[in-house]
Amino acid sequence: MVKLGGSLAEDDGQRLAAALSAVTAAQRPCVVVPGGGTFADAVRAAYQQHGVSQATAHRMALLAMQQTGLLLADMAPRLQPAEDVAEIAQAFDADRVPVWMPYRLAADDPQITHDWRTTSDALAARLAERLGNAEVVLVKSCSVDPEASAQALADAGIVDAAFPEIVARAGLKWRVLGAGDGDVLAKLLRDS
């Protein structure tokens, strides 16, 4: 499970291109979970400007993730949009890399909060939990202390508030890669 933060596309696009190169060359099964990126920024603006409920903003943010996922699939033809576990399996069967479109599975999921505590970080962990405790790798654009706990990363605002709770509940292996860790992602996806 590789969550690609929407902020990876904010610079000249080199970090996003490197991450896409790593996932499309993956030699082990990998599901891409897209961040919301600029589409989620628009949701945040609408939330503040129009006073939308958190539940509605959450659903809008899921659609923002889907838009980012479609963008990623267009940038890397080996990526295949997948809305549920069956479509993820179909992508693997076709030797494609599934990019998760989260709305179908996450919009009404009772195992997550439907507010700003749950972002693409926690959703990646929740999908890993659904898929049988797959490892979760979050790729961020900021620097990350590799020794920090999930709760410390949440307290620092690097991961969302729900992420530590889900990885603990599901017993997930996880790591957060930050600026300068591009080679680590490629190695993780290359090695079995």
N, C-alpha and C. Protein backbone atom coordinates (compact mmCIF):
# COMPACT_ATOMS: atom_id res chain seq x y z
N MET A 1 0.86 -1.16 0.00
CA MET A 1 0.00 0.00 0.00
C MET A 1 0.90 1.22 0.00
N VAL A 2 0.82 2.02 -1.04
CA VAL A 2 1.64 3.24 -1.14
C VAL A 2 0.71 4.43 -1.31
N LYS A 3 0.69 5.30 -0.31
CA LYS A 3 -0.10 6.51 -0.39
C LYS A 3 0.83 7.62 -0.90
N LEU A 4 0.46 8.20 -2.03
CA LEU A 4 1.24 9.30 -2.60
C LEU A 4 0.57 10.61 -2.22
N GLY A 5 1.25 11.38 -1.39
CA GLY A 5 0.70 12.65 -0.93
C GLY A 5 0.48 13.61 -2.08
N GLY A 6 -0.63 14.31 -2.03
CA GLY A 6 -0.95 15.29 -3.07
C GLY A 6 0.09 16.38 -3.19
N SER A 7 0.80 16.65 -2.09
CA SER A 7 1.81 17.71 -2.11
C SER A 7 3.03 17.34 -2.95
N LEU A 8 3.17 16.07 -3.33
CA LEU A 8 4.30 15.67 -4.18
C LEU A 8 4.26 16.36 -5.53
N ALA A 9 3.09 16.79 -5.96
CA ALA A 9 2.95 17.43 -7.27
C ALA A 9 3.16 18.94 -7.22
N GLU A 10 3.41 19.48 -6.02
CA GLU A 10 3.47 20.93 -5.88
C GLU A 10 4.75 21.57 -6.38
N ASP A 11 5.86 20.85 -6.37
CA ASP A 11 7.10 21.45 -6.85
C ASP A 11 7.19 21.27 -8.36
N ASP A 12 8.33 20.97 -8.86
CA ASP A 12 8.48 20.80 -10.31
C ASP A 12 7.98 19.43 -10.79
N GLY A 13 7.42 18.65 -9.89
CA GLY A 13 6.87 17.36 -10.26
C GLY A 13 7.87 16.22 -10.25
N GLN A 14 9.13 16.49 -9.91
CA GLN A 14 10.15 15.43 -9.94
C GLN A 14 9.90 14.35 -8.90
N ARG A 15 9.47 14.73 -7.69
CA ARG A 15 9.21 13.72 -6.65
C ARG A 15 8.02 12.84 -7.04
N LEU A 16 7.00 13.45 -7.61
CA LEU A 16 5.85 12.67 -8.05
C LEU A 16 6.25 11.74 -9.19
N ALA A 17 7.03 12.24 -10.13
CA ALA A 17 7.48 11.40 -11.25
C ALA A 17 8.32 10.24 -10.75
N ALA A 18 9.20 10.49 -9.77
CA ALA A 18 10.04 9.43 -9.21
C ALA A 18 9.18 8.39 -8.49
N ALA A 19 8.19 8.85 -7.74
CA ALA A 19 7.31 7.92 -7.02
C ALA A 19 6.50 7.08 -8.00
N LEU A 20 5.98 7.71 -9.05
CA LEU A 20 5.23 6.97 -10.07
C LEU A 20 6.12 5.96 -10.78
N SER A 21 7.36 6.34 -11.04
CA SER A 21 8.31 5.41 -11.65
C SER A 21 8.53 4.20 -10.75
N ALA A 22 8.66 4.45 -9.45
CA ALA A 22 8.88 3.35 -8.50
C ALA A 22 7.68 2.41 -8.44
N VAL A 23 6.47 2.97 -8.38
CA VAL A 23 5.30 2.08 -8.27
C VAL A 23 5.01 1.35 -9.57
N THR A 24 5.28 1.97 -10.71
CA THR A 24 5.01 1.26 -11.97
C THR A 24 6.06 0.20 -12.26
N ALA A 25 7.22 0.31 -11.62
CA ALA A 25 8.27 -0.71 -11.78
C ALA A 25 8.23 -1.73 -10.64
N ALA A 26 7.25 -1.65 -9.77
CA ALA A 26 7.17 -2.52 -8.60
C ALA A 26 7.21 -3.99 -9.00
N GLN A 27 8.00 -4.75 -8.26
CA GLN A 27 8.10 -6.19 -8.50
C GLN A 27 7.31 -6.98 -7.47
N ARG A 28 6.57 -6.29 -6.65
CA ARG A 28 5.68 -6.93 -5.69
C ARG A 28 4.36 -6.19 -5.74
N PRO A 29 3.28 -6.84 -5.33
CA PRO A 29 1.97 -6.18 -5.41
C PRO A 29 1.95 -4.86 -4.63
N CYS A 30 1.36 -3.87 -5.24
CA CYS A 30 1.33 -2.54 -4.66
C CYS A 30 0.02 -1.87 -5.07
N VAL A 31 -0.67 -1.28 -4.11
CA VAL A 31 -1.87 -0.49 -4.40
C VAL A 31 -1.51 0.96 -4.13
N VAL A 32 -1.81 1.85 -5.06
CA VAL A 32 -1.56 3.27 -4.88
C VAL A 32 -2.82 3.91 -4.29
N VAL A 33 -2.63 4.65 -3.21
CA VAL A 33 -3.70 5.45 -2.62
C VAL A 33 -3.34 6.91 -2.86
N PRO A 34 -4.14 7.62 -3.64
CA PRO A 34 -3.81 9.01 -3.95
C PRO A 34 -4.23 9.96 -2.83
N GLY A 35 -3.40 10.97 -2.59
CA GLY A 35 -3.83 12.06 -1.72
C GLY A 35 -4.80 12.93 -2.50
N GLY A 36 -5.35 13.91 -1.84
CA GLY A 36 -6.32 14.78 -2.50
C GLY A 36 -5.71 15.93 -3.28
N GLY A 37 -4.49 16.33 -2.90
CA GLY A 37 -3.78 17.39 -3.61
C GLY A 37 -4.57 18.67 -3.74
N THR A 38 -4.43 19.31 -4.88
CA THR A 38 -5.10 20.60 -5.11
C THR A 38 -6.62 20.45 -5.10
N PHE A 39 -7.10 19.27 -5.44
CA PHE A 39 -8.55 19.04 -5.41
C PHE A 39 -9.07 19.09 -3.96
N ALA A 40 -8.30 18.53 -3.03
CA ALA A 40 -8.68 18.59 -1.61
C ALA A 40 -8.57 20.02 -1.08
N ASP A 41 -7.60 20.77 -1.60
CA ASP A 41 -7.50 22.18 -1.20
C ASP A 41 -8.78 22.93 -1.56
N ALA A 42 -9.36 22.61 -2.70
CA ALA A 42 -10.63 23.23 -3.11
C ALA A 42 -11.75 22.83 -2.16
N VAL A 43 -11.73 21.59 -1.69
CA VAL A 43 -12.74 21.14 -0.72
C VAL A 43 -12.58 21.92 0.59
N ARG A 44 -11.34 22.09 1.05
CA ARG A 44 -11.11 22.85 2.29
C ARG A 44 -11.63 24.28 2.15
N ALA A 45 -11.38 24.88 0.99
CA ALA A 45 -11.85 26.25 0.75
C ALA A 45 -13.38 26.31 0.76
N ALA A 46 -14.03 25.35 0.12
CA ALA A 46 -15.50 25.31 0.10
C ALA A 46 -16.06 25.08 1.50
N TYR A 47 -15.37 24.24 2.27
CA TYR A 47 -15.78 23.96 3.65
C TYR A 47 -15.78 25.25 4.46
N GLN A 48 -14.73 26.03 4.33
CA GLN A 48 -14.63 27.28 5.08
C GLN A 48 -15.57 28.36 4.55
N GLN A 49 -15.67 28.46 3.25
CA GLN A 49 -16.47 29.53 2.65
C GLN A 49 -17.97 29.29 2.78
N HIS A 50 -18.40 28.05 2.64
CA HIS A 50 -19.83 27.77 2.57
C HIS A 50 -20.39 27.08 3.81
N GLY A 51 -19.54 26.79 4.78
CA GLY A 51 -20.03 26.15 6.00
C GLY A 51 -20.60 24.77 5.79
N VAL A 52 -20.01 24.02 4.89
CA VAL A 52 -20.45 22.64 4.62
C VAL A 52 -20.20 21.80 5.86
N SER A 53 -21.03 20.81 6.10
CA SER A 53 -20.81 19.91 7.24
C SER A 53 -19.53 19.11 7.03
N GLN A 54 -18.96 18.62 8.15
CA GLN A 54 -17.75 17.80 8.03
C GLN A 54 -18.04 16.51 7.27
N ALA A 55 -19.21 15.93 7.46
CA ALA A 55 -19.55 14.70 6.74
C ALA A 55 -19.60 14.94 5.23
N THR A 56 -20.18 16.06 4.82
CA THR A 56 -20.22 16.38 3.39
C THR A 56 -18.83 16.69 2.87
N ALA A 57 -18.05 17.43 3.65
CA ALA A 57 -16.68 17.74 3.24
C ALA A 57 -15.86 16.46 3.10
N HIS A 58 -16.11 15.49 3.98
CA HIS A 58 -15.41 14.20 3.90
C HIS A 58 -15.72 13.51 2.57
N ARG A 59 -16.98 13.48 2.20
CA ARG A 59 -17.37 12.86 0.92
C ARG A 59 -16.76 13.61 -0.26
N MET A 60 -16.75 14.94 -0.17
CA MET A 60 -16.14 15.74 -1.24
C MET A 60 -14.64 15.45 -1.32
N ALA A 61 -13.98 15.27 -0.17
CA ALA A 61 -12.55 14.96 -0.15
C ALA A 61 -12.27 13.58 -0.75
N LEU A 62 -13.18 12.63 -0.54
CA LEU A 62 -13.02 11.32 -1.19
C LEU A 62 -13.05 11.47 -2.71
N LEU A 63 -13.93 12.32 -3.19
CA LEU A 63 -13.99 12.58 -4.64
C LEU A 63 -12.74 13.31 -5.11
N ALA A 64 -12.17 14.16 -4.25
CA ALA A 64 -10.90 14.82 -4.59
C ALA A 64 -9.79 13.78 -4.76
N MET A 65 -9.76 12.80 -3.87
CA MET A 65 -8.79 11.72 -4.01
C MET A 65 -8.99 10.98 -5.33
N GLN A 66 -10.24 10.76 -5.70
CA GLN A 66 -10.51 10.07 -6.97
C GLN A 66 -10.00 10.89 -8.15
N GLN A 67 -10.18 12.21 -8.10
CA GLN A 67 -9.68 13.05 -9.18
C GLN A 67 -8.16 12.94 -9.27
N THR A 68 -7.49 12.97 -8.12
CA THR A 68 -6.03 12.81 -8.13
C THR A 68 -5.66 11.43 -8.68
N GLY A 69 -6.42 10.41 -8.30
CA GLY A 69 -6.16 9.06 -8.80
C GLY A 69 -6.29 8.98 -10.31
N LEU A 70 -7.30 9.63 -10.86
CA LEU A 70 -7.45 9.65 -12.32
C LEU A 70 -6.29 10.38 -12.98
N LEU A 71 -5.84 11.45 -12.36
CA LEU A 71 -4.67 12.18 -12.87
C LEU A 71 -3.44 11.28 -12.88
N LEU A 72 -3.21 10.56 -11.77
CA LEU A 72 -2.06 9.66 -11.69
C LEU A 72 -2.15 8.56 -12.75
N ALA A 73 -3.34 7.99 -12.92
CA ALA A 73 -3.52 6.92 -13.91
C ALA A 73 -3.26 7.43 -15.32
N ASP A 74 -3.57 8.68 -15.57
CA ASP A 74 -3.29 9.27 -16.88
C ASP A 74 -1.79 9.50 -17.07
N MET A 75 -1.10 9.82 -15.98
CA MET A 75 0.34 10.08 -16.05
C MET A 75 1.16 8.80 -16.18
N ALA A 76 0.64 7.69 -15.66
CA ALA A 76 1.36 6.42 -15.64
C ALA A 76 0.42 5.32 -16.13
N PRO A 77 0.49 4.97 -17.41
CA PRO A 77 -0.48 4.04 -18.00
C PRO A 77 -0.57 2.66 -17.34
N ARG A 78 0.44 2.23 -16.56
CA ARG A 78 0.34 0.93 -15.89
C ARG A 78 -0.63 1.00 -14.71
N LEU A 79 -0.96 2.20 -14.26
CA LEU A 79 -1.92 2.35 -13.17
C LEU A 79 -3.34 2.13 -13.70
N GLN A 80 -4.14 1.44 -12.91
CA GLN A 80 -5.52 1.15 -13.29
C GLN A 80 -6.45 1.54 -12.14
N PRO A 81 -7.39 2.46 -12.37
CA PRO A 81 -8.33 2.82 -11.31
C PRO A 81 -9.09 1.59 -10.82
N ALA A 82 -9.26 1.51 -9.49
CA ALA A 82 -9.95 0.38 -8.87
C ALA A 82 -10.76 0.90 -7.68
N GLU A 83 -12.05 0.58 -7.66
CA GLU A 83 -12.94 1.11 -6.63
C GLU A 83 -13.14 0.19 -5.44
N ASP A 84 -12.87 -1.10 -5.59
CA ASP A 84 -13.13 -2.02 -4.49
C ASP A 84 -12.13 -3.17 -4.53
N VAL A 85 -12.26 -4.08 -3.59
CA VAL A 85 -11.30 -5.19 -3.47
C VAL A 85 -11.30 -6.05 -4.73
N ALA A 86 -12.45 -6.30 -5.32
CA ALA A 86 -12.52 -7.11 -6.55
C ALA A 86 -11.78 -6.43 -7.70
N GLU A 87 -11.95 -5.13 -7.85
CA GLU A 87 -11.27 -4.41 -8.93
C GLU A 87 -9.76 -4.32 -8.67
N ILE A 88 -9.36 -4.27 -7.41
CA ILE A 88 -7.93 -4.31 -7.08
C ILE A 88 -7.34 -5.65 -7.53
N ALA A 89 -8.05 -6.74 -7.23
CA ALA A 89 -7.60 -8.08 -7.65
C ALA A 89 -7.54 -8.18 -9.17
N GLN A 90 -8.53 -7.62 -9.86
CA GLN A 90 -8.54 -7.64 -11.33
C GLN A 90 -7.33 -6.90 -11.89
N ALA A 91 -6.97 -5.78 -11.29
CA ALA A 91 -5.80 -5.03 -11.75
C ALA A 91 -4.54 -5.87 -11.58
N PHE A 92 -4.40 -6.53 -10.42
CA PHE A 92 -3.24 -7.40 -10.21
C PHE A 92 -3.21 -8.52 -11.25
N ASP A 93 -4.36 -9.13 -11.52
CA ASP A 93 -4.44 -10.21 -12.50
C ASP A 93 -4.02 -9.76 -13.89
N ALA A 94 -4.24 -8.49 -14.19
CA ALA A 94 -3.88 -7.93 -15.51
C ALA A 94 -2.48 -7.33 -15.51
N ASP A 95 -1.69 -7.60 -14.44
CA ASP A 95 -0.34 -7.06 -14.30
C ASP A 95 -0.33 -5.53 -14.34
N ARG A 96 -1.35 -4.95 -13.72
CA ARG A 96 -1.45 -3.50 -13.60
C ARG A 96 -1.28 -3.13 -12.13
N VAL A 97 -1.04 -1.87 -11.87
CA VAL A 97 -0.94 -1.37 -10.51
C VAL A 97 -2.25 -0.64 -10.20
N PRO A 98 -3.05 -1.15 -9.26
CA PRO A 98 -4.31 -0.49 -8.96
C PRO A 98 -4.09 0.84 -8.24
N VAL A 99 -4.83 1.85 -8.67
CA VAL A 99 -4.87 3.12 -7.95
C VAL A 99 -6.29 3.21 -7.40
N TRP A 100 -6.39 3.28 -6.08
CA TRP A 100 -7.67 3.16 -5.40
C TRP A 100 -8.51 4.42 -5.54
N MET A 101 -9.74 4.22 -5.98
CA MET A 101 -10.77 5.27 -6.01
C MET A 101 -11.63 5.03 -4.77
N PRO A 102 -11.47 5.83 -3.71
CA PRO A 102 -11.97 5.43 -2.39
C PRO A 102 -13.46 5.61 -2.11
N TYR A 103 -14.18 6.32 -2.94
CA TYR A 103 -15.55 6.70 -2.57
C TYR A 103 -16.42 5.49 -2.23
N ARG A 104 -16.42 4.49 -3.06
CA ARG A 104 -17.33 3.34 -2.87
C ARG A 104 -17.11 2.65 -1.52
N LEU A 105 -15.86 2.43 -1.15
CA LEU A 105 -15.58 1.71 0.10
C LEU A 105 -15.58 2.61 1.33
N ALA A 106 -15.25 3.88 1.16
CA ALA A 106 -15.03 4.73 2.33
C ALA A 106 -16.18 5.67 2.69
N ALA A 107 -17.05 5.97 1.75
CA ALA A 107 -18.09 6.98 2.01
C ALA A 107 -18.97 6.64 3.21
N ASP A 108 -19.28 5.37 3.38
CA ASP A 108 -20.16 4.96 4.48
C ASP A 108 -19.50 3.96 5.42
N ASP A 109 -18.18 3.89 5.42
CA ASP A 109 -17.45 2.92 6.24
C ASP A 109 -17.62 3.26 7.73
N PRO A 110 -18.23 2.37 8.52
CA PRO A 110 -18.43 2.67 9.94
C PRO A 110 -17.14 2.58 10.77
N GLN A 111 -16.06 2.10 10.17
CA GLN A 111 -14.80 1.94 10.90
C GLN A 111 -13.92 3.19 10.87
N ILE A 112 -14.38 4.25 10.22
CA ILE A 112 -13.61 5.50 10.16
C ILE A 112 -14.50 6.67 10.56
N THR A 113 -13.86 7.75 10.97
CA THR A 113 -14.62 8.98 11.23
C THR A 113 -14.81 9.70 9.90
N HIS A 114 -15.93 10.35 9.76
CA HIS A 114 -16.25 11.04 8.51
C HIS A 114 -16.10 12.54 8.74
N ASP A 115 -14.85 12.92 9.04
CA ASP A 115 -14.53 14.31 9.33
C ASP A 115 -13.06 14.54 8.98
N TRP A 116 -12.52 15.69 9.38
CA TRP A 116 -11.15 16.05 9.00
C TRP A 116 -10.09 15.23 9.73
N ARG A 117 -10.47 14.43 10.72
CA ARG A 117 -9.49 13.54 11.38
C ARG A 117 -9.02 12.45 10.42
N THR A 118 -9.87 12.09 9.48
CA THR A 118 -9.58 11.01 8.54
C THR A 118 -9.28 11.59 7.16
N THR A 119 -8.03 11.46 6.75
CA THR A 119 -7.62 11.89 5.41
C THR A 119 -7.08 10.67 4.67
N SER A 120 -6.41 10.91 3.59
CA SER A 120 -5.88 9.80 2.78
C SER A 120 -4.88 8.94 3.55
N ASP A 121 -4.23 9.49 4.58
CA ASP A 121 -3.31 8.67 5.40
C ASP A 121 -4.08 7.54 6.08
N ALA A 122 -5.12 7.90 6.82
CA ALA A 122 -5.93 6.90 7.52
C ALA A 122 -6.67 6.00 6.55
N LEU A 123 -7.09 6.56 5.42
CA LEU A 123 -7.79 5.74 4.43
C LEU A 123 -6.86 4.68 3.83
N ALA A 124 -5.58 5.01 3.65
CA ALA A 124 -4.61 4.01 3.18
C ALA A 124 -4.48 2.89 4.21
N ALA A 125 -4.42 3.27 5.49
CA ALA A 125 -4.34 2.26 6.55
C ALA A 125 -5.61 1.41 6.59
N ARG A 126 -6.74 2.04 6.42
CA ARG A 126 -8.01 1.30 6.45
C ARG A 126 -8.10 0.32 5.28
N LEU A 127 -7.64 0.73 4.10
CA LEU A 127 -7.64 -0.19 2.97
C LEU A 127 -6.69 -1.35 3.23
N ALA A 128 -5.53 -1.07 3.82
CA ALA A 128 -4.59 -2.14 4.17
C ALA A 128 -5.24 -3.12 5.15
N GLU A 129 -5.99 -2.58 6.09
CA GLU A 129 -6.71 -3.43 7.05
C GLU A 129 -7.72 -4.32 6.31
N ARG A 130 -8.46 -3.75 5.37
CA ARG A 130 -9.44 -4.52 4.59
C ARG A 130 -8.76 -5.61 3.75
N LEU A 131 -7.55 -5.32 3.27
CA LEU A 131 -6.85 -6.26 2.39
C LEU A 131 -6.04 -7.30 3.17
N GLY A 132 -6.16 -7.31 4.47
CA GLY A 132 -5.47 -8.32 5.25
C GLY A 132 -4.13 -7.88 5.78
N ASN A 133 -4.07 -6.69 6.28
CA ASN A 133 -2.88 -6.18 6.95
C ASN A 133 -1.66 -6.01 6.06
N ALA A 134 -1.86 -5.46 4.88
CA ALA A 134 -0.74 -5.11 4.01
C ALA A 134 0.07 -3.99 4.67
N GLU A 135 1.34 -3.91 4.32
CA GLU A 135 2.19 -2.82 4.84
C GLU A 135 1.75 -1.50 4.21
N VAL A 136 1.80 -0.43 5.00
CA VAL A 136 1.41 0.90 4.53
C VAL A 136 2.65 1.78 4.45
N VAL A 137 2.85 2.39 3.29
CA VAL A 137 3.94 3.35 3.11
C VAL A 137 3.30 4.67 2.69
N LEU A 138 3.51 5.70 3.50
CA LEU A 138 3.01 7.04 3.17
C LEU A 138 4.17 7.84 2.62
N VAL A 139 4.02 8.40 1.43
CA VAL A 139 5.08 9.21 0.81
C VAL A 139 4.67 10.67 0.93
N LYS A 140 5.48 11.42 1.67
CA LYS A 140 5.19 12.83 1.98
C LYS A 140 6.26 13.73 1.36
N SER A 141 5.97 15.01 1.28
CA SER A 141 6.94 15.96 0.73
C SER A 141 7.79 16.61 1.82
N CYS A 142 7.43 16.42 3.08
CA CYS A 142 8.17 17.04 4.18
C CYS A 142 9.23 16.08 4.72
N SER A 143 10.11 16.58 5.56
CA SER A 143 11.10 15.73 6.22
C SER A 143 10.40 14.96 7.34
N VAL A 144 10.82 13.72 7.53
CA VAL A 144 10.17 12.85 8.51
C VAL A 144 11.23 12.14 9.34
N ASP A 145 11.04 12.13 10.66
CA ASP A 145 11.91 11.39 11.56
C ASP A 145 11.55 9.91 11.44
N PRO A 146 12.47 9.07 10.95
CA PRO A 146 12.13 7.65 10.74
C PRO A 146 11.87 6.89 12.04
N GLU A 147 12.27 7.45 13.17
CA GLU A 147 12.08 6.78 14.46
C GLU A 147 10.80 7.22 15.16
N ALA A 148 10.10 8.20 14.62
CA ALA A 148 8.91 8.75 15.29
C ALA A 148 7.76 7.74 15.29
N SER A 149 7.01 7.74 16.36
CA SER A 149 5.81 6.89 16.44
C SER A 149 4.70 7.49 15.59
N ALA A 150 3.71 6.69 15.30
CA ALA A 150 2.56 7.19 14.54
C ALA A 150 1.88 8.34 15.29
N GLN A 151 1.78 8.21 16.61
CA GLN A 151 1.14 9.28 17.39
C GLN A 151 1.97 10.55 17.36
N ALA A 152 3.30 10.43 17.45
CA ALA A 152 4.16 11.62 17.38
C ALA A 152 4.03 12.29 16.02
N LEU A 153 3.93 11.50 14.96
CA LEU A 153 3.74 12.07 13.62
C LEU A 153 2.38 12.76 13.50
N ALA A 154 1.36 12.19 14.13
CA ALA A 154 0.04 12.83 14.13
C ALA A 154 0.08 14.13 14.92
N ASP A 155 0.73 14.10 16.08
CA ASP A 155 0.84 15.31 16.91
C ASP A 155 1.58 16.42 16.17
N ALA A 156 2.53 16.04 15.31
CA ALA A 156 3.30 17.02 14.53
C ALA A 156 2.57 17.45 13.26
N GLY A 157 1.42 16.85 12.99
CA GLY A 157 0.66 17.21 11.80
C GLY A 157 1.18 16.59 10.51
N ILE A 158 2.03 15.57 10.63
CA ILE A 158 2.60 14.92 9.44
C ILE A 158 1.64 13.85 8.91
N VAL A 159 0.97 13.14 9.80
CA VAL A 159 -0.09 12.21 9.41
C VAL A 159 -1.38 12.68 10.08
N ASP A 160 -2.50 12.18 9.62
CA ASP A 160 -3.77 12.63 10.20
C ASP A 160 -4.01 11.99 11.57
N ALA A 161 -4.99 12.52 12.27
CA ALA A 161 -5.27 12.09 13.64
C ALA A 161 -5.77 10.66 13.73
N ALA A 162 -6.41 10.15 12.69
CA ALA A 162 -6.97 8.80 12.73
C ALA A 162 -5.95 7.72 12.38
N PHE A 163 -4.86 8.08 11.72
CA PHE A 163 -3.87 7.09 11.27
C PHE A 163 -3.33 6.23 12.42
N PRO A 164 -2.85 6.83 13.55
CA PRO A 164 -2.29 5.98 14.62
C PRO A 164 -3.29 4.97 15.16
N GLU A 165 -4.53 5.37 15.27
CA GLU A 165 -5.58 4.50 15.79
C GLU A 165 -5.81 3.30 14.86
N ILE A 166 -5.84 3.53 13.57
CA ILE A 166 -6.10 2.44 12.62
C ILE A 166 -4.92 1.48 12.54
N VAL A 167 -3.69 2.00 12.46
CA VAL A 167 -2.54 1.09 12.36
C VAL A 167 -2.39 0.27 13.63
N ALA A 168 -2.71 0.86 14.79
CA ALA A 168 -2.65 0.11 16.04
C ALA A 168 -3.73 -0.96 16.09
N ARG A 169 -4.96 -0.59 15.75
CA ARG A 169 -6.09 -1.53 15.78
C ARG A 169 -5.84 -2.71 14.85
N ALA A 170 -5.30 -2.44 13.66
CA ALA A 170 -5.11 -3.48 12.65
C ALA A 170 -3.77 -4.19 12.77
N GLY A 171 -2.88 -3.69 13.63
CA GLY A 171 -1.55 -4.29 13.75
C GLY A 171 -0.73 -4.16 12.48
N LEU A 172 -0.86 -3.03 11.80
CA LEU A 172 -0.20 -2.83 10.50
C LEU A 172 1.27 -2.44 10.64
N LYS A 173 2.07 -2.98 9.74
CA LYS A 173 3.43 -2.45 9.55
C LYS A 173 3.28 -1.18 8.72
N TRP A 174 4.03 -0.15 9.07
CA TRP A 174 3.91 1.11 8.35
C TRP A 174 5.23 1.86 8.38
N ARG A 175 5.35 2.79 7.47
CA ARG A 175 6.46 3.74 7.49
C ARG A 175 6.05 4.98 6.71
N VAL A 176 6.69 6.08 7.05
CA VAL A 176 6.44 7.34 6.37
C VAL A 176 7.75 7.77 5.74
N LEU A 177 7.73 7.96 4.43
CA LEU A 177 8.91 8.42 3.70
C LEU A 177 8.75 9.91 3.42
N GLY A 178 9.82 10.64 3.64
CA GLY A 178 9.76 12.08 3.43
C GLY A 178 10.74 12.53 2.37
N ALA A 179 10.99 13.82 2.36
CA ALA A 179 11.93 14.41 1.41
C ALA A 179 13.26 13.67 1.50
N GLY A 180 13.81 13.30 0.37
CA GLY A 180 15.10 12.61 0.33
C GLY A 180 15.01 11.10 0.44
N ASP A 181 13.82 10.54 0.54
CA ASP A 181 13.65 9.09 0.69
C ASP A 181 13.20 8.40 -0.60
N GLY A 182 13.36 9.06 -1.73
CA GLY A 182 12.88 8.50 -3.00
C GLY A 182 13.47 7.15 -3.33
N ASP A 183 14.74 6.95 -3.05
CA ASP A 183 15.38 5.67 -3.34
C ASP A 183 14.83 4.56 -2.44
N VAL A 184 14.40 4.93 -1.24
CA VAL A 184 13.86 3.94 -0.30
C VAL A 184 12.58 3.32 -0.86
N LEU A 185 11.71 4.15 -1.43
CA LEU A 185 10.46 3.63 -2.01
C LEU A 185 10.76 2.65 -3.14
N ALA A 186 11.66 3.02 -4.04
CA ALA A 186 12.00 2.13 -5.15
C ALA A 186 12.55 0.80 -4.63
N LYS A 187 13.39 0.84 -3.61
CA LYS A 187 13.96 -0.38 -3.04
C LYS A 187 12.88 -1.23 -2.37
N LEU A 188 11.98 -0.60 -1.62
CA LEU A 188 10.90 -1.35 -0.97
C LEU A 188 10.04 -2.10 -1.99
N LEU A 189 9.76 -1.46 -3.10
CA LEU A 189 8.88 -2.06 -4.11
C LEU A 189 9.60 -3.05 -5.01
N ARG A 190 10.92 -3.00 -4.98
CA ARG A 190 11.72 -3.91 -5.79
C ARG A 190 11.99 -5.20 -5.03
N ASP A 191 12.26 -5.07 -3.73
CA ASP A 191 12.62 -6.23 -2.90
C ASP A 191 11.37 -6.95 -2.41
N SER A 192 11.43 -8.26 -2.38
CA SER A 192 10.28 -9.05 -1.89
C SER A 192 10.37 -9.27 -0.41
